All heavy atoms as atom14 arrays in JSON, in Angstrom:
{
  "sequence": "LSDWLIIVPRSIGRELRKLLYFLPRAFILLLLSFIPILGMVLW",
  "atom14_mask": [
    [1, 1, 1, 1, 1, 1, 1, 1, 0, 0, 0, 0, 0, 0],
    [1, 1, 1, 1, 1, 1, 0, 0, 0, 0, 0, 0, 0, 0],
    [1, 1, 1, 1, 1, 1, 1, 1, 0, 0, 0, 0, 0, 0],
    [1, 1, 1, 1, 1, 1, 1, 1, 1, 1, 1, 1, 1, 1],
    [1, 1, 1, 1, 1, 1, 1, 1, 0, 0, 0, 0, 0, 0],
    [1, 1, 1, 1, 1, 1, 1, 1, 0, 0, 0, 0, 0, 0],
    [1, 1, 1, 1, 1, 1, 1, 1, 0, 0, 0, 0, 0, 0],
    [1, 1, 1, 1, 1, 1, 1, 0, 0, 0, 0, 0, 0, 0],
    [1, 1, 1, 1, 1, 1, 1, 0, 0, 0, 0, 0, 0, 0],
    [1, 1, 1, 1, 1, 1, 1, 1, 1, 1, 1, 0, 0, 0],
    [1, 1, 1, 1, 1, 1, 0, 0, 0, 0, 0, 0, 0, 0],
    [1, 1, 1, 1, 1, 1, 1, 1, 0, 0, 0, 0, 0, 0],
    [1, 1, 1, 1, 0, 0, 0, 0, 0, 0, 0, 0, 0, 0],
    [1, 1, 1, 1, 1, 1, 1, 1, 1, 1, 1, 0, 0, 0],
    [1, 1, 1, 1, 1, 1, 1, 1, 1, 0, 0, 0, 0, 0],
    [1, 1, 1, 1, 1, 1, 1, 1, 0, 0, 0, 0, 0, 0],
    [1, 1, 1, 1, 1, 1, 1, 1, 1, 1, 1, 0, 0, 0],
    [1, 1, 1, 1, 1, 1, 1, 1, 1, 0, 0, 0, 0, 0],
    [1, 1, 1, 1, 1, 1, 1, 1, 0, 0, 0, 0, 0, 0],
    [1, 1, 1, 1, 1, 1, 1, 1, 0, 0, 0, 0, 0, 0],
    [1, 1, 1, 1, 1, 1, 1, 1, 1, 1, 1, 1, 0, 0],
    [1, 1, 1, 1, 1, 1, 1, 1, 1, 1, 1, 0, 0, 0],
    [1, 1, 1, 1, 1, 1, 1, 1, 0, 0, 0, 0, 0, 0],
    [1, 1, 1, 1, 1, 1, 1, 0, 0, 0, 0, 0, 0, 0],
    [1, 1, 1, 1, 1, 1, 1, 1, 1, 1, 1, 0, 0, 0],
    [1, 1, 1, 1, 1, 0, 0, 0, 0, 0, 0, 0, 0, 0],
    [1, 1, 1, 1, 1, 1, 1, 1, 1, 1, 1, 0, 0, 0],
    [1, 1, 1, 1, 1, 1, 1, 1, 0, 0, 0, 0, 0, 0],
    [1, 1, 1, 1, 1, 1, 1, 1, 0, 0, 0, 0, 0, 0],
    [1, 1, 1, 1, 1, 1, 1, 1, 0, 0, 0, 0, 0, 0],
    [1, 1, 1, 1, 1, 1, 1, 1, 0, 0, 0, 0, 0, 0],
    [1, 1, 1, 1, 1, 1, 1, 1, 0, 0, 0, 0, 0, 0],
    [1, 1, 1, 1, 1, 1, 0, 0, 0, 0, 0, 0, 0, 0],
    [1, 1, 1, 1, 1, 1, 1, 1, 1, 1, 1, 0, 0, 0],
    [1, 1, 1, 1, 1, 1, 1, 1, 0, 0, 0, 0, 0, 0],
    [1, 1, 1, 1, 1, 1, 1, 0, 0, 0, 0, 0, 0, 0],
    [1, 1, 1, 1, 1, 1, 1, 1, 0, 0, 0, 0, 0, 0],
    [1, 1, 1, 1, 1, 1, 1, 1, 0, 0, 0, 0, 0, 0],
    [1, 1, 1, 1, 0, 0, 0, 0, 0, 0, 0, 0, 0, 0],
    [1, 1, 1, 1, 1, 1, 1, 1, 0, 0, 0, 0, 0, 0],
    [1, 1, 1, 1, 1, 1, 1, 0, 0, 0, 0, 0, 0, 0],
    [1, 1, 1, 1, 1, 1, 1, 1, 0, 0, 0, 0, 0, 0],
    [1, 1, 1, 1, 1, 1, 1, 1, 1, 1, 1, 1, 1, 1]
  ],
  "atom14_positions": [
    [[5.34, -5.03, -5.71], [5.67, -5.76, -6.89], [4.92, -7.06, -6.9], [4.48, -7.53, -7.98], [7.2, -6.04, -6.92], [7.85, -6.75, -8.15], [7.42, -5.88, -9.38], [9.26, -7.0, -7.99], [0.0, 0.0, 0.0], [0.0, 0.0, 0.0], [0.0, 0.0, 0.0], [0.0, 0.0, 0.0], [0.0, 0.0, 0.0], [0.0, 0.0, 0.0]],
    [[4.62, -7.65, -5.72], [3.95, -8.95, -5.68], [2.45, -8.73, -6.13], [1.85, -9.7, -6.52], [4.0, -9.46, -4.28], [3.39, -8.53, -3.4], [0.0, 0.0, 0.0], [0.0, 0.0, 0.0], [0.0, 0.0, 0.0], [0.0, 0.0, 0.0], [0.0, 0.0, 0.0], [0.0, 0.0, 0.0], [0.0, 0.0, 0.0], [0.0, 0.0, 0.0]],
    [[1.99, -7.49, -6.1], [0.61, -7.23, -6.45], [0.37, -7.5, -7.96], [-0.85, -7.63, -8.38], [0.11, -5.83, -6.15], [0.06, -5.63, -4.62], [-0.32, -6.57, -3.91], [0.36, -4.49, -4.12], [0.0, 0.0, 0.0], [0.0, 0.0, 0.0], [0.0, 0.0, 0.0], [0.0, 0.0, 0.0], [0.0, 0.0, 0.0], [0.0, 0.0, 0.0]],
    [[1.44, -7.49, -8.76], [1.36, -7.75, -10.16], [0.84, -9.13, -10.41], [0.16, -9.42, -11.47], [2.68, -7.61, -10.86], [2.99, -6.19, -11.24], [3.45, -5.22, -10.47], [2.69, -5.67, -12.52], [3.52, -4.0, -11.16], [3.09, -4.17, -12.45], [2.12, -6.05, -13.68], [2.96, -3.33, -13.51], [2.06, -5.16, -14.82], [2.38, -3.93, -14.69]],
    [[1.11, -10.09, -9.47], [0.58, -11.42, -9.66], [-0.98, -11.48, -9.61], [-1.63, -12.32, -10.05], [1.11, -12.33, -8.53], [2.63, -12.62, -8.46], [3.06, -13.31, -7.33], [3.12, -13.1, -9.81], [0.0, 0.0, 0.0], [0.0, 0.0, 0.0], [0.0, 0.0, 0.0], [0.0, 0.0, 0.0], [0.0, 0.0, 0.0], [0.0, 0.0, 0.0]],
    [[-1.53, -10.4, -9.02], [-3.05, -10.25, -8.97], [-3.55, -9.4, -10.13], [-4.5, -9.67, -10.71], [-3.44, -9.76, -7.61], [-3.04, -10.72, -6.53], [-4.87, -9.49, -7.56], [-3.33, -10.19, -5.12], [0.0, 0.0, 0.0], [0.0, 0.0, 0.0], [0.0, 0.0, 0.0], [0.0, 0.0, 0.0], [0.0, 0.0, 0.0], [0.0, 0.0, 0.0]],
    [[-2.8, -8.29, -10.27], [-3.21, -7.29, -11.28], [-3.33, -7.87, -12.67], [-4.24, -7.67, -13.44], [-2.33, -6.09, -11.23], [-2.5, -5.35, -9.85], [-2.59, -5.07, -12.41], [-1.45, -4.13, -9.72], [0.0, 0.0, 0.0], [0.0, 0.0, 0.0], [0.0, 0.0, 0.0], [0.0, 0.0, 0.0], [0.0, 0.0, 0.0], [0.0, 0.0, 0.0]],
    [[-2.22, -8.59, -13.14], [-2.16, -9.07, -14.44], [-3.36, -9.98, -14.78], [-4.06, -9.71, -15.86], [-0.78, -9.7, -14.77], [-0.83, -10.4, -16.1], [0.3, -8.65, -14.74], [0.0, 0.0, 0.0], [0.0, 0.0, 0.0], [0.0, 0.0, 0.0], [0.0, 0.0, 0.0], [0.0, 0.0, 0.0], [0.0, 0.0, 0.0], [0.0, 0.0, 0.0]],
    [[-3.53, -11.08, -14.05], [-4.67, -11.95, -14.42], [-5.97, -11.27, -14.28], [-6.95, -11.54, -15.02], [-4.57, -13.14, -13.46], [-3.68, -12.67, -12.4], [-2.78, -11.64, -13.0], [0.0, 0.0, 0.0], [0.0, 0.0, 0.0], [0.0, 0.0, 0.0], [0.0, 0.0, 0.0], [0.0, 0.0, 0.0], [0.0, 0.0, 0.0], [0.0, 0.0, 0.0]],
    [[-6.14, -10.38, -13.32], [-7.41, -9.71, -13.06], [-7.75, -8.77, -14.24], [-8.86, -8.73, -14.72], [-7.45, -8.94, -11.78], [-8.7, -8.35, -11.31], [-8.59, -7.44, -10.17], [-7.83, -6.24, -10.48], [-7.45, -5.27, -9.52], [-7.59, -5.56, -8.27], [-6.89, -4.21, -9.93], [0.0, 0.0, 0.0], [0.0, 0.0, 0.0], [0.0, 0.0, 0.0]],
    [[-6.7, -8.05, -14.68], [-6.9, -7.14, -15.8], [-7.2, -7.84, -17.07], [-8.14, -7.39, -17.86], [-5.64, -6.25, -15.96], [-5.37, -5.49, -14.89], [0.0, 0.0, 0.0], [0.0, 0.0, 0.0], [0.0, 0.0, 0.0], [0.0, 0.0, 0.0], [0.0, 0.0, 0.0], [0.0, 0.0, 0.0], [0.0, 0.0, 0.0], [0.0, 0.0, 0.0]],
    [[-6.48, -8.92, -17.33], [-6.77, -9.71, -18.56], [-8.32, -10.3, -18.49], [-9.0, -10.39, -19.44], [-5.79, -10.79, -18.72], [-4.4, -10.09, -19.03], [-6.16, -11.75, -19.92], [-3.21, -11.07, -19.26], [0.0, 0.0, 0.0], [0.0, 0.0, 0.0], [0.0, 0.0, 0.0], [0.0, 0.0, 0.0], [0.0, 0.0, 0.0], [0.0, 0.0, 0.0]],
    [[-8.57, -10.84, -17.29], [-9.91, -11.42, -17.07], [-11.07, -10.37, -17.31], [-12.01, -10.61, -17.89], [0.0, 0.0, 0.0], [0.0, 0.0, 0.0], [0.0, 0.0, 0.0], [0.0, 0.0, 0.0], [0.0, 0.0, 0.0], [0.0, 0.0, 0.0], [0.0, 0.0, 0.0], [0.0, 0.0, 0.0], [0.0, 0.0, 0.0], [0.0, 0.0, 0.0]],
    [[-10.79, -9.12, -16.92], [-11.73, -8.05, -17.1], [-11.82, -7.74, -18.58], [-12.94, -7.35, -19.08], [-11.29, -6.77, -16.34], [-12.23, -5.73, -16.1], [-13.13, -5.98, -14.83], [-13.95, -4.72, -14.54], [-14.53, -4.59, -13.41], [-14.34, -5.45, -12.39], [-15.16, -3.47, -13.25], [0.0, 0.0, 0.0], [0.0, 0.0, 0.0], [0.0, 0.0, 0.0]],
    [[-10.78, -7.71, -19.31], [-10.77, -7.52, -20.75], [-11.56, -8.58, -21.44], [-12.31, -8.35, -22.35], [-9.33, -7.46, -21.31], [-8.63, -6.32, -20.92], [-9.21, -5.04, -21.4], [-9.62, -4.95, -22.6], [-9.27, -4.06, -20.68], [0.0, 0.0, 0.0], [0.0, 0.0, 0.0], [0.0, 0.0, 0.0], [0.0, 0.0, 0.0], [0.0, 0.0, 0.0]],
    [[-11.43, -9.88, -20.98], [-12.17, -10.97, -21.62], [-13.68, -10.77, -21.3], [-14.51, -11.16, -22.07], [-11.63, -12.27, -21.07], [-10.2, -12.67, -21.53], [-9.76, -13.93, -20.78], [-10.18, -12.82, -23.0], [0.0, 0.0, 0.0], [0.0, 0.0, 0.0], [0.0, 0.0, 0.0], [0.0, 0.0, 0.0], [0.0, 0.0, 0.0], [0.0, 0.0, 0.0]],
    [[-13.96, -10.24, -20.12], [-15.32, -9.96, -19.78], [-16.0, -8.98, -20.73], [-17.14, -9.17, -21.18], [-15.5, -9.49, -18.33], [-16.86, -9.15, -17.87], [-17.67, -10.41, -17.73], [-19.18, -10.04, -17.31], [-20.06, -9.61, -18.12], [-19.82, -9.44, -19.4], [-21.23, -9.34, -17.59], [0.0, 0.0, 0.0], [0.0, 0.0, 0.0], [0.0, 0.0, 0.0]],
    [[-15.25, -7.94, -21.03], [-15.68, -6.93, -21.99], [-15.82, -7.53, -23.38], [-16.77, -7.16, -24.16], [-14.73, -5.78, -22.03], [-14.8, -4.84, -20.77], [-13.89, -3.64, -20.88], [-12.59, -4.08, -20.24], [-11.7, -2.93, -20.06], [0.0, 0.0, 0.0], [0.0, 0.0, 0.0], [0.0, 0.0, 0.0], [0.0, 0.0, 0.0], [0.0, 0.0, 0.0]],
    [[-14.92, -8.44, -23.77], [-14.92, -9.05, -25.12], [-16.23, -9.93, -25.16], [-16.87, -10.04, -26.29], [-13.67, -9.91, -25.21], [-13.42, -10.39, -26.73], [-13.25, -9.22, -27.7], [-12.11, -11.18, -26.69], [0.0, 0.0, 0.0], [0.0, 0.0, 0.0], [0.0, 0.0, 0.0], [0.0, 0.0, 0.0], [0.0, 0.0, 0.0], [0.0, 0.0, 0.0]],
    [[-16.59, -10.69, -24.14], [-17.77, -11.42, -24.13], [-18.99, -10.6, -24.28], [-19.96, -11.07, -24.8], [-17.87, -12.26, -22.82], [-16.8, -13.46, -22.73], [-16.87, -14.2, -21.39], [-17.02, -14.48, -23.88], [0.0, 0.0, 0.0], [0.0, 0.0, 0.0], [0.0, 0.0, 0.0], [0.0, 0.0, 0.0], [0.0, 0.0, 0.0], [0.0, 0.0, 0.0]],
    [[-18.99, -9.41, -23.68], [-20.15, -8.47, -23.86], [-20.16, -8.02, -25.38], [-21.26, -7.9, -25.87], [-19.92, -7.35, -22.88], [-21.0, -6.3, -23.08], [-22.21, -6.45, -22.43], [-20.77, -5.08, -23.81], [-23.14, -5.42, -22.5], [-21.79, -4.12, -23.92], [-22.95, -4.31, -23.36], [-24.01, -3.32, -23.44], [0.0, 0.0, 0.0], [0.0, 0.0, 0.0]],
    [[-19.02, -7.75, -25.89], [-19.03, -7.1, -27.26], [-19.25, -8.1, -28.41], [-20.07, -7.74, -29.33], [-17.53, -6.63, -27.48], [-17.21, -6.16, -28.85], [-17.68, -4.94, -29.34], [-16.52, -7.0, -29.7], [-17.38, -4.56, -30.64], [-16.27, -6.57, -30.99], [-16.73, -5.33, -31.46], [0.0, 0.0, 0.0], [0.0, 0.0, 0.0], [0.0, 0.0, 0.0]],
    [[-18.77, -9.34, -28.42], [-18.79, -10.22, -29.55], [-20.25, -10.6, -30.02], [-20.56, -10.5, -31.16], [-18.0, -11.48, -29.25], [-16.49, -11.33, -29.22], [-15.75, -12.6, -28.94], [-16.03, -10.77, -30.61], [0.0, 0.0, 0.0], [0.0, 0.0, 0.0], [0.0, 0.0, 0.0], [0.0, 0.0, 0.0], [0.0, 0.0, 0.0], [0.0, 0.0, 0.0]],
    [[-21.15, -11.11, -29.08], [-22.53, -11.35, -29.58], [-23.29, -10.15, -30.22], [-23.96, -10.38, -31.2], [-23.17, -11.95, -28.3], [-22.43, -11.42, -27.14], [-21.04, -11.34, -27.66], [0.0, 0.0, 0.0], [0.0, 0.0, 0.0], [0.0, 0.0, 0.0], [0.0, 0.0, 0.0], [0.0, 0.0, 0.0], [0.0, 0.0, 0.0], [0.0, 0.0, 0.0]],
    [[-23.03, -9.06, -29.54], [-23.75, -7.88, -30.08], [-23.12, -7.37, -31.38], [-23.86, -6.88, -32.27], [-23.63, -6.75, -29.01], [-24.45, -6.96, -27.79], [-24.1, -6.17, -26.67], [-24.95, -6.43, -25.4], [-24.76, -7.54, -24.67], [-23.72, -8.41, -24.91], [-25.61, -7.75, -23.6], [0.0, 0.0, 0.0], [0.0, 0.0, 0.0], [0.0, 0.0, 0.0]],
    [[-21.81, -7.5, -31.45], [-21.05, -7.22, -32.7], [-21.55, -8.1, -33.84], [-21.63, -7.72, -35.04], [-19.59, -7.32, -32.66], [0.0, 0.0, 0.0], [0.0, 0.0, 0.0], [0.0, 0.0, 0.0], [0.0, 0.0, 0.0], [0.0, 0.0, 0.0], [0.0, 0.0, 0.0], [0.0, 0.0, 0.0], [0.0, 0.0, 0.0], [0.0, 0.0, 0.0]],
    [[-21.78, -9.4, -33.52], [-22.23, -10.37, -34.62], [-23.62, -9.96, -35.15], [-23.86, -10.02, -36.25], [-22.27, -11.78, -34.0], [-22.84, -12.83, -34.94], [-22.06, -13.28, -35.97], [-24.12, -13.33, -34.84], [-22.54, -14.24, -36.85], [-24.59, -14.27, -35.6], [-23.82, -14.74, -36.71], [0.0, 0.0, 0.0], [0.0, 0.0, 0.0], [0.0, 0.0, 0.0]],
    [[-24.55, -9.6, -34.21], [-25.91, -9.14, -34.57], [-25.74, -7.86, -35.54], [-26.39, -7.78, -36.65], [-26.81, -8.82, -33.4], [-27.01, -10.1, -32.64], [-28.1, -8.17, -33.85], [-27.79, -9.94, -31.35], [0.0, 0.0, 0.0], [0.0, 0.0, 0.0], [0.0, 0.0, 0.0], [0.0, 0.0, 0.0], [0.0, 0.0, 0.0], [0.0, 0.0, 0.0]],
    [[-24.91, -6.89, -35.09], [-24.71, -5.71, -35.86], [-24.09, -6.05, -37.23], [-24.29, -5.31, -38.2], [-23.85, -4.66, -35.07], [-24.51, -4.1, -33.95], [-23.57, -3.2, -33.21], [-25.73, -3.23, -34.4], [0.0, 0.0, 0.0], [0.0, 0.0, 0.0], [0.0, 0.0, 0.0], [0.0, 0.0, 0.0], [0.0, 0.0, 0.0], [0.0, 0.0, 0.0]],
    [[-23.21, -7.04, -37.3], [-22.6, -7.43, -38.52], [-23.7, -7.89, -39.52], [-23.6, -7.55, -40.71], [-21.57, -8.6, -38.28], [-20.83, -9.03, -39.55], [-19.97, -7.92, -40.12], [-19.95, -10.28, -39.15], [0.0, 0.0, 0.0], [0.0, 0.0, 0.0], [0.0, 0.0, 0.0], [0.0, 0.0, 0.0], [0.0, 0.0, 0.0], [0.0, 0.0, 0.0]],
    [[-24.65, -8.59, -39.01], [-25.72, -9.11, -39.88], [-26.56, -7.86, -40.39], [-27.03, -7.79, -41.42], [-26.61, -10.03, -39.18], [-25.97, -11.36, -38.7], [-26.98, -12.17, -37.98], [-25.4, -12.12, -39.95], [0.0, 0.0, 0.0], [0.0, 0.0, 0.0], [0.0, 0.0, 0.0], [0.0, 0.0, 0.0], [0.0, 0.0, 0.0], [0.0, 0.0, 0.0]],
    [[-26.78, -6.84, -39.52], [-27.55, -5.73, -39.85], [-26.78, -4.79, -40.75], [-27.4, -3.85, -41.31], [-28.01, -4.95, -38.52], [-29.02, -5.71, -37.62], [-29.21, -4.88, -36.36], [-30.31, -5.92, -38.36], [0.0, 0.0, 0.0], [0.0, 0.0, 0.0], [0.0, 0.0, 0.0], [0.0, 0.0, 0.0], [0.0, 0.0, 0.0], [0.0, 0.0, 0.0]],
    [[-25.46, -4.91, -40.68], [-24.67, -3.98, -41.61], [-24.89, -4.03, -43.03], [-24.62, -3.22, -43.85], [-23.14, -4.27, -41.31], [-22.81, -5.47, -41.78], [0.0, 0.0, 0.0], [0.0, 0.0, 0.0], [0.0, 0.0, 0.0], [0.0, 0.0, 0.0], [0.0, 0.0, 0.0], [0.0, 0.0, 0.0], [0.0, 0.0, 0.0], [0.0, 0.0, 0.0]],
    [[-25.67, -5.18, -43.43], [-26.03, -5.36, -44.91], [-27.16, -4.41, -45.27], [-27.53, -4.23, -46.35], [-26.35, -6.8, -45.17], [-25.2, -7.72, -45.14], [-25.0, -8.51, -43.99], [-24.28, -7.81, -46.16], [-23.78, -9.33, -43.94], [-23.17, -8.67, -46.13], [-22.99, -9.41, -45.03], [0.0, 0.0, 0.0], [0.0, 0.0, 0.0], [0.0, 0.0, 0.0]],
    [[-27.77, -3.86, -44.2], [-28.86, -2.89, -44.46], [-28.23, -1.46, -44.58], [-27.65, -0.99, -43.63], [-29.97, -2.86, -43.33], [-30.44, -4.25, -43.16], [-30.97, -1.8, -43.6], [-31.42, -4.33, -41.95], [0.0, 0.0, 0.0], [0.0, 0.0, 0.0], [0.0, 0.0, 0.0], [0.0, 0.0, 0.0], [0.0, 0.0, 0.0], [0.0, 0.0, 0.0]],
    [[-28.22, -0.88, -45.79], [-27.63, 0.38, -46.0], [-27.99, 1.41, -44.95], [-29.11, 1.52, -44.51], [-28.05, 0.84, -47.45], [-28.42, -0.42, -48.07], [-29.03, -1.36, -46.99], [0.0, 0.0, 0.0], [0.0, 0.0, 0.0], [0.0, 0.0, 0.0], [0.0, 0.0, 0.0], [0.0, 0.0, 0.0], [0.0, 0.0, 0.0], [0.0, 0.0, 0.0]],
    [[-27.05, 2.24, -44.59], [-27.22, 3.42, -43.62], [-27.53, 2.87, -42.26], [-26.83, 3.25, -41.21], [-28.23, 4.4, -44.15], [-27.85, 4.92, -45.55], [-28.33, 5.5, -43.11], [-28.85, 5.86, -46.04], [0.0, 0.0, 0.0], [0.0, 0.0, 0.0], [0.0, 0.0, 0.0], [0.0, 0.0, 0.0], [0.0, 0.0, 0.0], [0.0, 0.0, 0.0]],
    [[-28.56, 2.08, -42.01], [-28.95, 1.68, -40.68], [-27.81, 0.91, -40.05], [-27.49, 1.18, -38.88], [-30.17, 0.76, -40.79], [-30.59, 0.15, -39.44], [-31.02, 1.2, -38.41], [-31.72, -0.95, -39.67], [0.0, 0.0, 0.0], [0.0, 0.0, 0.0], [0.0, 0.0, 0.0], [0.0, 0.0, 0.0], [0.0, 0.0, 0.0], [0.0, 0.0, 0.0]],
    [[-27.14, 0.04, -40.79], [-26.04, -0.79, -40.19], [-24.96, 0.21, -39.75], [-24.34, -0.01, -38.69], [0.0, 0.0, 0.0], [0.0, 0.0, 0.0], [0.0, 0.0, 0.0], [0.0, 0.0, 0.0], [0.0, 0.0, 0.0], [0.0, 0.0, 0.0], [0.0, 0.0, 0.0], [0.0, 0.0, 0.0], [0.0, 0.0, 0.0], [0.0, 0.0, 0.0]],
    [[-24.6, 1.14, -40.54], [-23.53, 2.0, -40.24], [-23.83, 2.87, -38.99], [-23.05, 3.11, -38.16], [-23.22, 2.96, -41.43], [-22.72, 2.29, -42.68], [-22.34, 3.35, -44.02], [-21.1, 4.5, -43.33], [0.0, 0.0, 0.0], [0.0, 0.0, 0.0], [0.0, 0.0, 0.0], [0.0, 0.0, 0.0], [0.0, 0.0, 0.0], [0.0, 0.0, 0.0]],
    [[-25.12, 3.37, -38.96], [-25.51, 4.13, -37.78], [-25.48, 3.38, -36.48], [-24.99, 3.71, -35.38], [-26.94, 4.75, -37.97], [-27.44, 5.35, -36.69], [-26.95, 5.73, -39.12], [0.0, 0.0, 0.0], [0.0, 0.0, 0.0], [0.0, 0.0, 0.0], [0.0, 0.0, 0.0], [0.0, 0.0, 0.0], [0.0, 0.0, 0.0], [0.0, 0.0, 0.0]],
    [[-25.88, 2.09, -36.53], [-25.93, 1.21, -35.43], [-24.55, 0.86, -34.96], [-24.21, 0.9, -33.74], [-26.79, -0.06, -35.69], [-28.23, 0.09, -35.89], [-28.89, -1.24, -36.23], [-28.87, 0.7, -34.6], [0.0, 0.0, 0.0], [0.0, 0.0, 0.0], [0.0, 0.0, 0.0], [0.0, 0.0, 0.0], [0.0, 0.0, 0.0], [0.0, 0.0, 0.0]],
    [[-23.62, 0.62, -35.85], [-22.26, 0.44, -35.52], [-21.63, 1.58, -34.88], [-20.9, 1.43, -33.85], [-21.46, 0.01, -36.81], [-21.28, -1.41, -37.13], [-21.76, -2.12, -38.21], [-20.57, -2.36, -36.37], [-21.5, -3.38, -38.13], [-20.66, -3.63, -37.0], [-19.82, -2.29, -35.22], [-20.11, -4.75, -36.46], [-19.23, -3.48, -34.72], [-19.39, -4.63, -35.34]]
  ]
}
């Protein structure tokens, strides 16, 4: 049960790491989404 003190912050930190990987790339793709078809395929 005490391991939850480690698991919870570690898991949330790992999710934030994935979010940091996702957001800048998603922003670029958001700009490219104005190009018909290409934007949808890249997304």
